[in-house]
Amino acid sequence: METQNITLALPKELLLRARQLAVVRRTSLSAMLAQMIAELVEQDARYRAASERQIALMAQGLDVGSQGTATWTRDNLHER
């Protein structure tokens, strides 16, 4: 995959802590950020796919055995 460099501005303290974390994980800061961004993009793609599936299911509706007509009244459901 072709890569492209970017410029990223971070607070100095955050950058220092991120570099330390990369050392602990035995990776580079660039690789760690690239992995995190890739995971965010994948997570968003999965969320969108799940959302589209659910919207399609709602549009299709569920068969509750009523043939599209309610066989009950509000009063029947809320008898006191």
C-alpha atoms as a PDB file:
ATOM      1  CA  MET A   1       0.000   0.000   0.000  1.00  0.00           C
ATOM      2  CA  GLU A   2       1.314   3.417  -0.890  1.00  0.00           C
ATOM      3  CA  THR A   3       1.876   5.713   2.061  1.00  0.00           C
ATOM      4  CA  GLN A   4       1.858   9.470   2.398  1.00  0.00           C
ATOM      5  CA  ASN A   5       3.439  11.613   5.083  1.00  0.00           C
ATOM      6  CA  ILE A   6       1.292  14.006   7.099  1.00  0.00           C
ATOM      7  CA  THR A   7       1.960  16.770   9.575  1.00  0.00           C
ATOM      8  CA  LEU A   8       0.374  16.385  12.974  1.00  0.00           C
ATOM      9  CA  ALA A   9       0.362  19.010  15.719  1.00  0.00           C
ATOM     10  CA  LEU A  10       0.146  17.685  19.277  1.00  0.00           C
ATOM     11  CA  PRO A  11       0.763  19.228  22.678  1.00  0.00           C
ATOM     12  CA  LYS A  12       4.351  18.556  23.729  1.00  0.00           C
ATOM     13  CA  GLU A  13       3.421  16.576  26.858  1.00  0.00           C
ATOM     14  CA  LEU A  14       1.053  14.360  24.872  1.00  0.00           C
ATOM     15  CA  LEU A  15       3.702  13.761  22.213  1.00  0.00           C
ATOM     16  CA  LEU A  16       6.250  12.807  24.875  1.00  0.00           C
ATOM     17  CA  ARG A  17       3.857  10.341  26.503  1.00  0.00           C
ATOM     18  CA  ALA A  18       2.877   8.897  23.125  1.00  0.00           C
ATOM     19  CA  ARG A  19       6.536   8.345  22.218  1.00  0.00           C
ATOM     20  CA  GLN A  20       7.101   6.598  25.558  1.00  0.00           C
ATOM     21  CA  LEU A  21       4.092   4.368  24.902  1.00  0.00           C
ATOM     22  CA  ALA A  22       5.438   3.479  21.470  1.00  0.00           C
ATOM     23  CA  VAL A  23       8.760   2.473  23.038  1.00  0.00           C
ATOM     24  CA  VAL A  24       6.987   0.283  25.592  1.00  0.00           C
ATOM     25  CA  ARG A  25       5.019  -1.369  22.767  1.00  0.00           C
ATOM     26  CA  ARG A  26       8.216  -1.790  20.743  1.00  0.00           C
ATOM     27  CA  THR A  27       6.877   0.071  17.745  1.00  0.00           C
ATOM     28  CA  SER A  28       7.226   3.476  16.190  1.00  0.00           C
ATOM     29  CA  LEU A  29       4.886   6.341  16.903  1.00  0.00           C
ATOM     30  CA  SER A  30       4.015   6.401  13.205  1.00  0.00           C
ATOM     31  CA  ALA A  31       3.128   2.694  13.148  1.00  0.00           C
ATOM     32  CA  MET A  32       1.114   3.012  16.352  1.00  0.00           C
ATOM     33  CA  LEU A  33      -0.911   5.943  14.979  1.00  0.00           C
ATOM     34  CA  ALA A  34      -1.417   4.214  11.629  1.00  0.00           C
ATOM     35  CA  GLN A  35      -2.759   1.110  13.397  1.00  0.00           C
ATOM     36  CA  MET A  36      -5.104   3.156  15.572  1.00  0.00           C
ATOM     37  CA  ILE A  37      -6.466   5.084  12.574  1.00  0.00           C
ATOM     38  CA  ALA A  38      -6.933   1.857  10.602  1.00  0.00           C
ATOM     39  CA  GLU A  39      -8.879   0.364  13.534  1.00  0.00           C
ATOM     40  CA  LEU A  40     -11.099   3.470  13.751  1.00  0.00           C
ATOM     41  CA  VAL A  41     -11.840   3.338  10.027  1.00  0.00           C
ATOM     42  CA  GLU A  42     -12.641  -0.399  10.196  1.00  0.00           C
ATOM     43  CA  GLN A  43     -14.851   0.102  13.248  1.00  0.00           C
ATOM     44  CA  ASP A  44     -16.754   2.850  11.432  1.00  0.00           C
ATOM     45  CA  ALA A  45     -17.209   0.623   8.362  1.00  0.00           C
ATOM     46  CA  ARG A  46     -18.591  -2.206  10.534  1.00  0.00           C
ATOM     47  CA  TYR A  47     -20.934   0.211  12.330  1.00  0.00           C
ATOM     48  CA  ARG A  48     -22.253   1.596   9.043  1.00  0.00           C
ATOM     49  CA  ALA A  49     -22.814  -1.913   7.640  1.00  0.00           C
ATOM     50  CA  ALA A  50     -24.676  -2.975  10.800  1.00  0.00           C
ATOM     51  CA  SER A  51     -26.747   0.200  10.707  1.00  0.00           C
ATOM     52  CA  GLU A  52     -27.703  -0.401   7.071  1.00  0.00           C
ATOM     53  CA  ARG A  53     -28.694  -4.000   7.875  1.00  0.00           C
ATOM     54  CA  GLN A  54     -30.904  -2.864  10.746  1.00  0.00           C
ATOM     55  CA  ILE A  55     -32.546  -0.124   8.687  1.00  0.00           C
ATOM     56  CA  ALA A  56     -33.307  -2.684   5.969  1.00  0.00           C
ATOM     57  CA  LEU A  57     -34.841  -5.024   8.569  1.00  0.00           C
ATOM     58  CA  MET A  58     -36.989  -2.212   9.960  1.00  0.00           C
ATOM     59  CA  ALA A  59     -38.173  -1.288   6.469  1.00  0.00           C
ATOM     60  CA  GLN A  60     -39.038  -4.943   5.827  1.00  0.00           C
ATOM     61  CA  GLY A  61     -40.928  -5.240   9.102  1.00  0.00           C
ATOM     62  CA  LEU A  62     -41.567  -8.308  11.212  1.00  0.00           C
ATOM     63  CA  ASP A  63     -44.353 -10.829  10.833  1.00  0.00           C
ATOM     64  CA  VAL A  64     -46.213 -10.870  14.131  1.00  0.00           C
ATOM     65  CA  GLY A  65     -49.055 -12.986  12.792  1.00  0.00           C
ATOM     66  CA  SER A  66     -51.611 -10.199  12.514  1.00  0.00           C
ATOM     67  CA  GLN A  67     -51.691 -10.095   8.694  1.00  0.00           C
ATOM     68  CA  GLY A  68     -51.225  -6.334   9.012  1.00  0.00           C
ATOM     69  CA  THR A  69     -54.360  -5.760  11.074  1.00  0.00           C
ATOM     70  CA  ALA A  70     -54.472  -5.348  14.827  1.00  0.00           C
ATOM     71  CA  THR A  71     -56.915  -7.787  16.414  1.00  0.00           C
ATOM     72  CA  TRP A  72     -56.910  -5.952  19.695  1.00  0.00           C
ATOM     73  CA  THR A  73     -57.937  -2.571  20.979  1.00  0.00           C
ATOM     74  CA  ARG A  74     -56.119  -0.252  23.309  1.00  0.00           C
ATOM     75  CA  ASP A  75     -58.728  -0.911  25.979  1.00  0.00           C
ATOM     76  CA  ASN A  76     -58.173  -4.684  25.706  1.00  0.00           C
ATOM     77  CA  LEU A  77     -54.457  -4.220  26.199  1.00  0.00           C
ATOM     78  CA  HIS A  78     -54.920  -1.927  29.175  1.00  0.00           C
ATOM     79  CA  GLU A  79     -57.738  -3.627  31.077  1.00  0.00           C
ATOM     80  CA  ARG A  80     -57.927  -2.498  34.679  1.00  0.00           C
END
